Amino acid sequence: MVLVSAASFGSLSIFGKLAYANGLGTEQTLAFRFLLGAIGMWVLAMLFGQNPLRFKTRELVMLIVLGAVIYTGQSLTYFIALRSLPASLVVLIAYIYPSLVVVAGWLFLRRSVSIWHGLALAASFLGVGLLVGGAHFQVAWALAFAIASPAIYTGYILLGERVMSSVPAIGASAVIMSGAAVAFCVLAALRHELRTPATLAGWGVAFGVALFPTMIAISLFLASLPRIGAALAALLSTVEPVVTIALAAVILGERLSAVQFVGGALILLAVIVVQAAHLWKPGPPAAFR
């Protein structure tokens, strides 16, 4: 389940690139992703007896805010970065979030740190430096968005830990995705992008981004948690960027330089150190990308 989930998540950047190639806008693509995805997650929530309408009002409000504000910001910055940067580069930079969670936990929640934390952080930031240093592009603002995405995701995880501990995962996911769907529909309308795709290929991409890296990826990840635990599930999920890089090479013709390859390997090593050493125990919020 986790490996299929990770492979599905790994297709997100590819679908983003294909959406742009087929004339879909950023907000239009994300509105489709979360609107169709939210419908699917509500169906799953009902089937598993996790009706979100039974949640407490305070829980519902917090989940909606998580989706409509924080997760919307994370997804928007990620897809904006995809407009100008290679999919492989964006997904590898996104994977610095476990190390950022360690930093944020130390700064704001007074969580202890160890030598393993230091090694993971050093590997992550050195990896980003090598990735950026080996890239050839002219748009620094796109790099800023690529780094902003995991930074926002870090806040999403830390804030989500508290509320997600008191509500069932699938039902909570349905509410979060609904909040994101409403936010992106509003943004798409403001940018005059709230419209259906103009081509059959565009429809295929719209349904694909809602089905594979959203509904399938999230539902399988959540289903795996009670079976193998969050720590092992998160560790296995590190195959996601590997899948993205492979798909980007086959479908988009992207290639990492030798320096970038080393940088990406350092980032993935940092993720493995953080998760294998149990420095951070990711809960259901980590199911999203």
C-alpha atoms as a PDB file:
ATOM      1  CA  MET A   1       0.000   0.000   0.000  1.00  0.00           C
ATOM      2  CA  VAL A   2       2.745   2.448   0.956  1.00  0.00           C
ATOM      3  CA  LEU A   3       4.822   1.765  -2.140  1.00  0.00           C
ATOM      4  CA  VAL A   4       1.815   2.223  -4.445  1.00  0.00           C
ATOM      5  CA  SER A   5       0.924   5.385  -2.498  1.00  0.00           C
ATOM      6  CA  ALA A   6       4.467   6.733  -2.881  1.00  0.00           C
ATOM      7  CA  ALA A   7       4.505   5.940  -6.592  1.00  0.00           C
ATOM      8  CA  SER A   8       1.164   7.731  -6.963  1.00  0.00           C
ATOM      9  CA  PHE A   9       2.449  10.761  -5.051  1.00  0.00           C
ATOM     10  CA  GLY A  10       5.495  10.654  -7.293  1.00  0.00           C
ATOM     11  CA  SER A  11       3.295  11.359 -10.307  1.00  0.00           C
ATOM     12  CA  LEU A  12       2.096  14.723  -8.925  1.00  0.00           C
ATOM     13  CA  SER A  13       4.879  16.820 -10.448  1.00  0.00           C
ATOM     14  CA  ILE A  14       4.498  15.012 -13.762  1.00  0.00           C
ATOM     15  CA  PHE A  15       0.770  15.745 -13.876  1.00  0.00           C
ATOM     16  CA  GLY A  16       1.545  19.368 -13.028  1.00  0.00           C
ATOM     17  CA  LYS A  17       3.892  19.660 -15.988  1.00  0.00           C
ATOM     18  CA  LEU A  18       1.386  17.899 -18.268  1.00  0.00           C
ATOM     19  CA  ALA A  19      -1.379  20.237 -17.072  1.00  0.00           C
ATOM     20  CA  TYR A  20       0.648  23.274 -18.108  1.00  0.00           C
ATOM     21  CA  ALA A  21       1.534  21.652 -21.420  1.00  0.00           C
ATOM     22  CA  ASN A  22      -2.177  21.133 -22.129  1.00  0.00           C
ATOM     23  CA  GLY A  23      -3.172  24.711 -21.374  1.00  0.00           C
ATOM     24  CA  LEU A  24      -4.489  24.331 -17.815  1.00  0.00           C
ATOM     25  CA  GLY A  25      -3.761  27.125 -15.342  1.00  0.00           C
ATOM     26  CA  THR A  26      -2.280  26.651 -11.876  1.00  0.00           C
ATOM     27  CA  GLU A  27      -5.439  27.463  -9.928  1.00  0.00           C
ATOM     28  CA  GLN A  28      -7.599  25.630 -12.477  1.00  0.00           C
ATOM     29  CA  THR A  29      -5.545  22.433 -12.102  1.00  0.00           C
ATOM     30  CA  LEU A  30      -5.544  22.577  -8.312  1.00  0.00           C
ATOM     31  CA  ALA A  31      -9.271  23.352  -8.181  1.00  0.00           C
ATOM     32  CA  PHE A  32      -9.932  20.177 -10.177  1.00  0.00           C
ATOM     33  CA  ARG A  33      -7.483  18.187  -8.064  1.00  0.00           C
ATOM     34  CA  PHE A  34      -9.048  19.053  -4.739  1.00  0.00           C
ATOM     35  CA  LEU A  35     -12.676  19.275  -5.831  1.00  0.00           C
ATOM     36  CA  LEU A  36     -12.686  15.801  -7.371  1.00  0.00           C
ATOM     37  CA  GLY A  37     -10.390  14.502  -4.649  1.00  0.00           C
ATOM     38  CA  ALA A  38     -12.617  15.860  -1.884  1.00  0.00           C
ATOM     39  CA  ILE A  39     -15.646  14.117  -3.383  1.00  0.00           C
ATOM     40  CA  GLY A  40     -13.755  10.829  -3.422  1.00  0.00           C
ATOM     41  CA  MET A  41     -12.521  11.252   0.169  1.00  0.00           C
ATOM     42  CA  TRP A  42     -16.034  12.043   1.414  1.00  0.00           C
ATOM     43  CA  VAL A  43     -17.245   8.807  -0.169  1.00  0.00           C
ATOM     44  CA  LEU A  44     -14.444   6.890   1.561  1.00  0.00           C
ATOM     45  CA  ALA A  45     -15.170   8.629   4.872  1.00  0.00           C
ATOM     46  CA  MET A  46     -18.813   7.571   4.698  1.00  0.00           C
ATOM     47  CA  LEU A  47     -17.910   3.993   3.735  1.00  0.00           C
ATOM     48  CA  PHE A  48     -15.549   3.705   6.702  1.00  0.00           C
ATOM     49  CA  GLY A  49     -18.006   5.272   9.159  1.00  0.00           C
ATOM     50  CA  GLN A  50     -15.991   8.474   9.628  1.00  0.00           C
ATOM     51  CA  ASN A  51     -18.682  11.050   8.831  1.00  0.00           C
ATOM     52  CA  PRO A  52     -16.990  14.465   9.281  1.00  0.00           C
ATOM     53  CA  LEU A  53     -20.364  16.037  10.070  1.00  0.00           C
ATOM     54  CA  ARG A  54     -20.153  14.308  13.442  1.00  0.00           C
ATOM     55  CA  PHE A  55     -16.944  16.138  14.356  1.00  0.00           C
ATOM     56  CA  LYS A  56     -17.007  18.895  16.937  1.00  0.00           C
ATOM     57  CA  THR A  57     -17.430  22.402  15.534  1.00  0.00           C
ATOM     58  CA  ARG A  58     -13.983  23.438  16.746  1.00  0.00           C
ATOM     59  CA  GLU A  59     -12.393  20.436  15.032  1.00  0.00           C
ATOM     60  CA  LEU A  60     -14.193  21.156  11.776  1.00  0.00           C
ATOM     61  CA  VAL A  61     -13.097  24.785  11.804  1.00  0.00           C
ATOM     62  CA  MET A  62      -9.467  23.882  12.458  1.00  0.00           C
ATOM     63  CA  LEU A  63      -9.460  21.263   9.692  1.00  0.00           C
ATOM     64  CA  ILE A  64     -11.054  23.670   7.211  1.00  0.00           C
ATOM     65  CA  VAL A  65      -8.446  26.320   8.050  1.00  0.00           C
ATOM     66  CA  LEU A  66      -5.670  23.763   7.611  1.00  0.00           C
ATOM     67  CA  GLY A  67      -6.990  22.965   4.137  1.00  0.00           C
ATOM     68  CA  ALA A  68      -8.152  26.390   2.961  1.00  0.00           C
ATOM     69  CA  VAL A  69      -5.158  28.385   4.176  1.00  0.00           C
ATOM     70  CA  ILE A  70      -2.064  26.379   5.015  1.00  0.00           C
ATOM     71  CA  TYR A  71      -2.347  23.408   2.674  1.00  0.00           C
ATOM     72  CA  THR A  72      -3.589  25.684  -0.093  1.00  0.00           C
ATOM     73  CA  GLY A  73      -0.463  27.797   0.325  1.00  0.00           C
ATOM     74  CA  GLN A  74       1.763  24.723   0.190  1.00  0.00           C
ATOM     75  CA  SER A  75       0.161  23.343  -2.975  1.00  0.00           C
ATOM     76  CA  LEU A  76       0.068  26.725  -4.697  1.00  0.00           C
ATOM     77  CA  THR A  77       3.752  27.465  -4.112  1.00  0.00           C
ATOM     78  CA  TYR A  78       4.680  23.934  -5.244  1.00  0.00           C
ATOM     79  CA  PHE A  79       2.783  24.244  -8.521  1.00  0.00           C
ATOM     80  CA  ILE A  80       4.040  27.773  -9.179  1.00  0.00           C
ATOM     81  CA  ALA A  81       7.597  26.454  -8.823  1.00  0.00           C
ATOM     82  CA  LEU A  82       6.757  23.692 -11.316  1.00  0.00           C
ATOM     83  CA  ARG A  83       6.001  26.313 -13.958  1.00  0.00           C
ATOM     84  CA  SER A  84       9.681  27.193 -14.318  1.00  0.00           C
ATOM     85  CA  LEU A  85      11.756  24.511 -12.590  1.00  0.00           C
ATOM     86  CA  PRO A  86      12.301  20.838 -13.489  1.00  0.00           C
ATOM     87  CA  ALA A  87       9.958  18.408 -11.732  1.00  0.00           C
ATOM     88  CA  SER A  88      12.930  16.462 -10.342  1.00  0.00           C
ATOM     89  CA  LEU A  89      14.396  19.583  -8.718  1.00  0.00           C
ATOM     90  CA  VAL A  90      11.091  20.689  -7.179  1.00  0.00           C
ATOM     91  CA  VAL A  91      10.283  17.313  -5.617  1.00  0.00           C
ATOM     92  CA  LEU A  92      13.773  16.917  -4.139  1.00  0.00           C
ATOM     93  CA  ILE A  93      13.682  20.386  -2.588  1.00  0.00           C
ATOM     94  CA  ALA A  94      10.238  19.557  -1.182  1.00  0.00           C
ATOM     95  CA  TYR A  95      11.761  16.638   0.696  1.00  0.00           C
ATOM     96  CA  ILE A  96      13.681  18.885   3.076  1.00  0.00           C
ATOM     97  CA  TYR A  97      10.461  19.137   5.102  1.00  0.00           C
ATOM     98  CA  PRO A  98      11.359  16.404   7.672  1.00  0.00           C
ATOM     99  CA  SER A  99      14.509  18.342   8.531  1.00  0.00           C
ATOM    100  CA  LEU A 100      12.535  21.588   8.689  1.00  0.00           C
ATOM    101  CA  VAL A 101      10.098  19.881  11.087  1.00  0.00           C
ATOM    102  CA  VAL A 102      13.061  19.071  13.338  1.00  0.00           C
ATOM    103  CA  VAL A 103      14.228  22.720  13.248  1.00  0.00           C
ATOM    104  CA  ALA A 104      10.747  24.110  13.852  1.00  0.00           C
ATOM    105  CA  GLY A 105      10.128  21.648  16.686  1.00  0.00           C
ATOM    106  CA  TRP A 106      13.348  22.787  18.355  1.00  0.00           C
ATOM    107  CA  LEU A 107      12.683  26.505  17.845  1.00  0.00           C
ATOM    108  CA  PHE A 108       8.983  26.695  18.669  1.00  0.00           C
ATOM    109  CA  LEU A 109       8.078  23.550  20.638  1.00  0.00           C
ATOM    110  CA  ARG A 110      11.320  23.147  22.629  1.00  0.00           C
ATOM    111  CA  ARG A 111      11.880  19.623  21.381  1.00  0.00           C
ATOM    112  CA  SER A 112      15.287  18.135  22.081  1.00  0.00           C
ATOM    113  CA  VAL A 113      17.923  17.720  19.385  1.00  0.00           C
ATOM    114  CA  SER A 114      20.767  15.230  19.029  1.00  0.00           C
ATOM    115  CA  ILE A 115      23.770  14.548  16.836  1.00  0.00           C
ATOM    116  CA  TRP A 116      21.441  12.678  14.456  1.00  0.00           C
ATOM    117  CA  HIS A 117      19.402  15.841  14.057  1.00  0.00           C
ATOM    118  CA  GLY A 118      22.550  17.756  13.225  1.00  0.00           C
ATOM    119  CA  LEU A 119      23.675  15.195  10.649  1.00  0.00           C
ATOM    120  CA  ALA A 120      20.262  15.180   8.985  1.00  0.00           C
ATOM    121  CA  LEU A 121      20.079  18.968   8.862  1.00  0.00           C
ATOM    122  CA  ALA A 122      23.589  19.288   7.470  1.00  0.00           C
ATOM    123  CA  ALA A 123      22.855  16.698   4.773  1.00  0.00           C
ATOM    124  CA  SER A 124      19.561  18.383   3.828  1.00  0.00           C
ATOM    125  CA  PHE A 125      20.950  21.874   3.460  1.00  0.00           C
ATOM    126  CA  LEU A 126      24.116  20.709   1.708  1.00  0.00           C
ATOM    127  CA  GLY A 127      21.889  18.731  -0.642  1.00  0.00           C
ATOM    128  CA  VAL A 128      19.798  21.789  -1.466  1.00  0.00           C
ATOM    129  CA  GLY A 129      22.965  23.772  -2.080  1.00  0.00           C
ATOM    130  CA  LEU A 130      24.227  21.179  -4.541  1.00  0.00           C
ATOM    131  CA  LEU A 131      20.853  20.972  -6.279  1.00  0.00           C
ATOM    132  CA  VAL A 132      20.657  24.725  -6.723  1.00  0.00           C
ATOM    133  CA  GLY A 133      24.324  25.090  -7.584  1.00  0.00           C
ATOM    134  CA  GLY A 134      24.024  22.503 -10.318  1.00  0.00           C
ATOM    135  CA  ALA A 135      20.901  24.004 -11.868  1.00  0.00           C
ATOM    136  CA  HIS A 136      20.775  26.209 -14.945  1.00  0.00           C
ATOM    137  CA  PHE A 137      17.863  28.622 -14.760  1.00  0.00           C
ATOM    138  CA  GLN A 138      17.233  32.356 -14.634  1.00  0.00           C
ATOM    139  CA  VAL A 139      14.184  32.580 -12.352  1.00  0.00           C
ATOM    140  CA  ALA A 140      15.208  32.996  -8.726  1.00  0.00           C
ATOM    141  CA  TRP A 141      11.596  33.662  -7.751  1.00  0.00           C
ATOM    142  CA  ALA A 142      10.681  30.105  -8.804  1.00  0.00           C
ATOM    143  CA  LEU A 143      13.357  28.746  -6.473  1.00  0.00           C
ATOM    144  CA  ALA A 144      11.888  30.862  -3.668  1.00  0.00           C
ATOM    145  CA  PHE A 145       8.492  29.229  -4.244  1.00  0.00           C
ATOM    146  CA  ALA A 146      10.090  25.770  -4.338  1.00  0.00           C
ATOM    147  CA  ILE A 147      11.639  26.368  -0.905  1.00  0.00           C
ATOM    148  CA  ALA A 148       8.498  28.047   0.463  1.00  0.00           C
ATOM    149  CA  SER A 149       6.439  24.917  -0.252  1.00  0.00           C
ATOM    150  CA  PRO A 150       8.178  22.588   2.259  1.00  0.00           C
ATOM    151  CA  ALA A 151       8.445  25.481   4.733  1.00  0.00           C
ATOM    152  CA  ILE A 152       4.657  25.921   4.678  1.00  0.00           C
ATOM    153  CA  TYR A 153       4.203  22.143   4.782  1.00  0.00           C
ATOM    154  CA  THR A 154       6.265  22.101   7.980  1.00  0.00           C
ATOM    155  CA  GLY A 155       3.771  24.439   9.628  1.00  0.00           C
ATOM    156  CA  TYR A 156       0.936  22.303   8.292  1.00  0.00           C
ATOM    157  CA  ILE A 157       2.402  19.179   9.917  1.00  0.00           C
ATOM    158  CA  LEU A 158       3.100  20.788  13.289  1.00  0.00           C
ATOM    159  CA  LEU A 159      -0.342  22.403  13.475  1.00  0.00           C
ATOM    160  CA  GLY A 160      -2.017  19.277  12.158  1.00  0.00           C
ATOM    161  CA  GLU A 161      -0.477  17.014  14.806  1.00  0.00           C
ATOM    162  CA  ARG A 162      -2.752  18.398  17.489  1.00  0.00           C
ATOM    163  CA  VAL A 163      -6.088  18.356  15.682  1.00  0.00           C
ATOM    164  CA  MET A 164      -5.432  15.091  13.830  1.00  0.00           C
ATOM    165  CA  SER A 165      -4.830  13.283  17.106  1.00  0.00           C
ATOM    166  CA  SER A 166      -8.503  13.628  18.043  1.00  0.00           C
ATOM    167  CA  VAL A 167     -10.271  12.856  14.741  1.00  0.00           C
ATOM    168  CA  PRO A 168     -10.238   9.855  12.350  1.00  0.00           C
ATOM    169  CA  ALA A 169      -7.783  10.247   9.492  1.00  0.00           C
ATOM    170  CA  ILE A 170     -10.010   9.662   6.463  1.00  0.00           C
ATOM    171  CA  GLY A 171     -12.800  11.937   7.674  1.00  0.00           C
ATOM    172  CA  ALA A 172     -10.306  14.634   8.595  1.00  0.00           C
ATOM    173  CA  SER A 173      -8.668  14.328   5.179  1.00  0.00           C
ATOM    174  CA  ALA A 174     -12.050  14.831   3.518  1.00  0.00           C
ATOM    175  CA  VAL A 175     -12.576  18.098   5.412  1.00  0.00           C
ATOM    176  CA  ILE A 176      -9.038  19.364   4.734  1.00  0.00           C
ATOM    177  CA  MET A 177      -9.386  18.625   1.031  1.00  0.00           C
ATOM    178  CA  SER A 178     -12.783  20.328   0.979  1.00  0.00           C
ATOM    179  CA  GLY A 179     -11.246  23.455   2.461  1.00  0.00           C
ATOM    180  CA  ALA A 180      -8.514  23.398  -0.176  1.00  0.00           C
ATOM    181  CA  ALA A 181     -11.107  22.810  -2.916  1.00  0.00           C
ATOM    182  CA  VAL A 182     -13.142  25.852  -1.886  1.00  0.00           C
ATOM    183  CA  ALA A 183     -10.027  28.022  -1.659  1.00  0.00           C
ATOM    184  CA  PHE A 184      -8.761  27.010  -5.107  1.00  0.00           C
ATOM    185  CA  CYS A 185     -12.182  27.408  -6.704  1.00  0.00           C
ATOM    186  CA  VAL A 186     -12.293  30.980  -5.372  1.00  0.00           C
ATOM    187  CA  LEU A 187      -8.738  31.664  -6.572  1.00  0.00           C
ATOM    188  CA  ALA A 188      -9.509  30.153  -9.978  1.00  0.00           C
ATOM    189  CA  ALA A 189     -12.629  32.315 -10.282  1.00  0.00           C
ATOM    190  CA  LEU A 190     -10.672  35.463  -9.409  1.00  0.00           C
ATOM    191  CA  ARG A 191      -8.148  34.614 -12.131  1.00  0.00           C
ATOM    192  CA  HIS A 192     -10.902  33.674 -14.602  1.00  0.00           C
ATOM    193  CA  GLU A 193      -9.688  30.050 -14.610  1.00  0.00           C
ATOM    194  CA  LEU A 194     -12.781  28.422 -13.096  1.00  0.00           C
ATOM    195  CA  ARG A 195     -13.698  26.570 -16.258  1.00  0.00           C
ATOM    196  CA  THR A 196     -13.552  23.056 -17.631  1.00  0.00           C
ATOM    197  CA  PRO A 197     -10.580  21.887 -19.727  1.00  0.00           C
ATOM    198  CA  ALA A 198     -10.854  22.732 -23.415  1.00  0.00           C
ATOM    199  CA  THR A 199      -9.427  19.445 -24.714  1.00  0.00           C
ATOM    200  CA  LEU A 200      -9.800  15.719 -24.071  1.00  0.00           C
ATOM    201  CA  ALA A 201      -6.146  15.576 -23.006  1.00  0.00           C
ATOM    202  CA  GLY A 202      -6.831  18.365 -20.510  1.00  0.00           C
ATOM    203  CA  TRP A 203      -9.714  16.353 -19.040  1.00  0.00           C
ATOM    204  CA  GLY A 204      -7.432  13.336 -18.768  1.00  0.00           C
ATOM    205  CA  VAL A 205      -4.840  15.328 -16.850  1.00  0.00           C
ATOM    206  CA  ALA A 206      -7.499  16.862 -14.572  1.00  0.00           C
ATOM    207  CA  PHE A 207      -8.925  13.472 -13.629  1.00  0.00           C
ATOM    208  CA  GLY A 208      -5.451  11.944 -13.414  1.00  0.00           C
ATOM    209  CA  VAL A 209      -4.169  14.504 -10.906  1.00  0.00           C
ATOM    210  CA  ALA A 210      -7.295  13.987  -8.780  1.00  0.00           C
ATOM    211  CA  LEU A 211      -7.139  10.184  -8.970  1.00  0.00           C
ATOM    212  CA  PHE A 212      -3.487   9.098  -8.697  1.00  0.00           C
ATOM    213  CA  PRO A 213      -1.497  11.603  -6.560  1.00  0.00           C
ATOM    214  CA  THR A 214      -4.567  12.551  -4.544  1.00  0.00           C
ATOM    215  CA  MET A 215      -7.279   9.932  -3.920  1.00  0.00           C
ATOM    216  CA  ILE A 216      -5.226   6.758  -4.442  1.00  0.00           C
ATOM    217  CA  ALA A 217      -2.065   8.102  -2.827  1.00  0.00           C
ATOM    218  CA  ILE A 218      -3.754   9.531   0.274  1.00  0.00           C
ATOM    219  CA  SER A 219      -6.237   6.709   0.881  1.00  0.00           C
ATOM    220  CA  LEU A 220      -3.592   3.972   0.584  1.00  0.00           C
ATOM    221  CA  PHE A 221      -1.180   5.859   2.842  1.00  0.00           C
ATOM    222  CA  LEU A 222      -3.858   6.298   5.492  1.00  0.00           C
ATOM    223  CA  ALA A 223      -4.921   2.657   5.145  1.00  0.00           C
ATOM    224  CA  SER A 224      -1.331   1.532   5.716  1.00  0.00           C
ATOM    225  CA  LEU A 225      -0.881   3.391   9.011  1.00  0.00           C
ATOM    226  CA  PRO A 226      -2.768   0.976  11.307  1.00  0.00           C
ATOM    227  CA  ARG A 227      -1.052  -1.977   9.606  1.00  0.00           C
ATOM    228  CA  ILE A 228       2.641  -1.031   9.721  1.00  0.00           C
ATOM    229  CA  GLY A 229       2.779   2.231  11.694  1.00  0.00           C
ATOM    230  CA  ALA A 230       3.549   5.800  10.710  1.00  0.00           C
ATOM    231  CA  ALA A 231       7.346   5.562  11.076  1.00  0.00           C
ATOM    232  CA  LEU A 232       7.795   2.646   8.654  1.00  0.00           C
ATOM    233  CA  ALA A 233       5.170   4.059   6.284  1.00  0.00           C
ATOM    234  CA  ALA A 234       6.980   7.395   6.146  1.00  0.00           C
ATOM    235  CA  LEU A 235      10.335   5.672   5.642  1.00  0.00           C
ATOM    236  CA  LEU A 236       9.020   3.620   2.712  1.00  0.00           C
ATOM    237  CA  SER A 237       7.477   6.764   1.247  1.00  0.00           C
ATOM    238  CA  THR A 238      10.933   8.102   0.476  1.00  0.00           C
ATOM    239  CA  VAL A 239      10.730   6.219  -2.828  1.00  0.00           C
ATOM    240  CA  GLU A 240       8.391   9.026  -4.004  1.00  0.00           C
ATOM    241  CA  PRO A 241      11.106  11.376  -5.349  1.00  0.00           C
ATOM    242  CA  VAL A 242      12.843   8.409  -6.960  1.00  0.00           C
ATOM    243  CA  VAL A 243       9.635   7.669  -8.869  1.00  0.00           C
ATOM    244  CA  THR A 244       9.305  11.336  -9.827  1.00  0.00           C
ATOM    245  CA  ILE A 245      12.860  11.486 -11.149  1.00  0.00           C
ATOM    246  CA  ALA A 246      12.341   8.292 -13.157  1.00  0.00           C
ATOM    247  CA  LEU A 247       9.020   9.494 -14.608  1.00  0.00           C
ATOM    248  CA  ALA A 248      10.500  12.919 -15.374  1.00  0.00           C
ATOM    249  CA  ALA A 249      13.335  11.264 -17.278  1.00  0.00           C
ATOM    250  CA  VAL A 250      11.029   8.980 -19.295  1.00  0.00           C
ATOM    251  CA  ILE A 251       8.090  11.336 -19.907  1.00  0.00           C
ATOM    252  CA  LEU A 252       9.616  14.812 -19.761  1.00  0.00           C
ATOM    253  CA  GLY A 253      13.185  14.092 -20.799  1.00  0.00           C
ATOM    254  CA  GLU A 254      14.648  15.676 -17.644  1.00  0.00           C
ATOM    255  CA  ARG A 255      18.112  14.750 -16.408  1.00  0.00           C
ATOM    256  CA  LEU A 256      19.903  15.573 -13.177  1.00  0.00           C
ATOM    257  CA  SER A 257      23.562  16.568 -13.371  1.00  0.00           C
ATOM    258  CA  ALA A 258      26.130  14.617 -11.339  1.00  0.00           C
ATOM    259  CA  VAL A 259      26.251  17.406  -8.740  1.00  0.00           C
ATOM    260  CA  GLN A 260      22.454  17.490  -8.456  1.00  0.00           C
ATOM    261  CA  PHE A 261      22.339  13.710  -8.166  1.00  0.00           C
ATOM    262  CA  VAL A 262      24.646  13.891  -5.152  1.00  0.00           C
ATOM    263  CA  GLY A 263      22.531  16.701  -3.678  1.00  0.00           C
ATOM    264  CA  GLY A 264      19.343  14.695  -4.096  1.00  0.00           C
ATOM    265  CA  ALA A 265      20.977  11.640  -2.529  1.00  0.00           C
ATOM    266  CA  LEU A 266      21.989  13.725   0.511  1.00  0.00           C
ATOM    267  CA  ILE A 267      18.421  14.995   0.971  1.00  0.00           C
ATOM    268  CA  LEU A 268      16.999  11.465   0.812  1.00  0.00           C
ATOM    269  CA  LEU A 269      19.703  10.277   3.226  1.00  0.00           C
ATOM    270  CA  ALA A 270      18.623  13.013   5.648  1.00  0.00           C
ATOM    271  CA  VAL A 271      14.994  11.885   5.388  1.00  0.00           C
ATOM    272  CA  ILE A 272      15.991   8.294   6.129  1.00  0.00           C
ATOM    273  CA  VAL A 273      18.103   9.374   9.126  1.00  0.00           C
ATOM    274  CA  VAL A 274      15.289  11.500  10.550  1.00  0.00           C
ATOM    275  CA  GLN A 275      12.659   8.790  10.176  1.00  0.00           C
ATOM    276  CA  ALA A 276      14.722   5.659  10.862  1.00  0.00           C
ATOM    277  CA  ALA A 277      16.138   7.191  14.046  1.00  0.00           C
ATOM    278  CA  HIS A 278      12.593   8.093  15.170  1.00  0.00           C
ATOM    279  CA  LEU A 279      13.484  11.772  15.485  1.00  0.00           C
ATOM    280  CA  TRP A 280      10.077  12.690  14.146  1.00  0.00           C
ATOM    281  CA  LYS A 281       6.909  10.587  14.191  1.00  0.00           C
ATOM    282  CA  PRO A 282       4.816  11.651  11.206  1.00  0.00           C
ATOM    283  CA  GLY A 283       1.070  11.275  11.593  1.00  0.00           C
ATOM    284  CA  PRO A 284      -1.743  11.371   9.047  1.00  0.00           C
ATOM    285  CA  PRO A 285      -1.047  14.988   7.955  1.00  0.00           C
ATOM    286  CA  ALA A 286       2.126  13.730   6.269  1.00  0.00           C
ATOM    287  CA  ALA A 287      -0.095  11.854   3.822  1.00  0.00           C
ATOM    288  CA  PHE A 288      -0.550  15.030   1.791  1.00  0.00           C
ATOM    289  CA  ARG A 289       1.681  16.626  -0.826  1.00  0.00           C
END
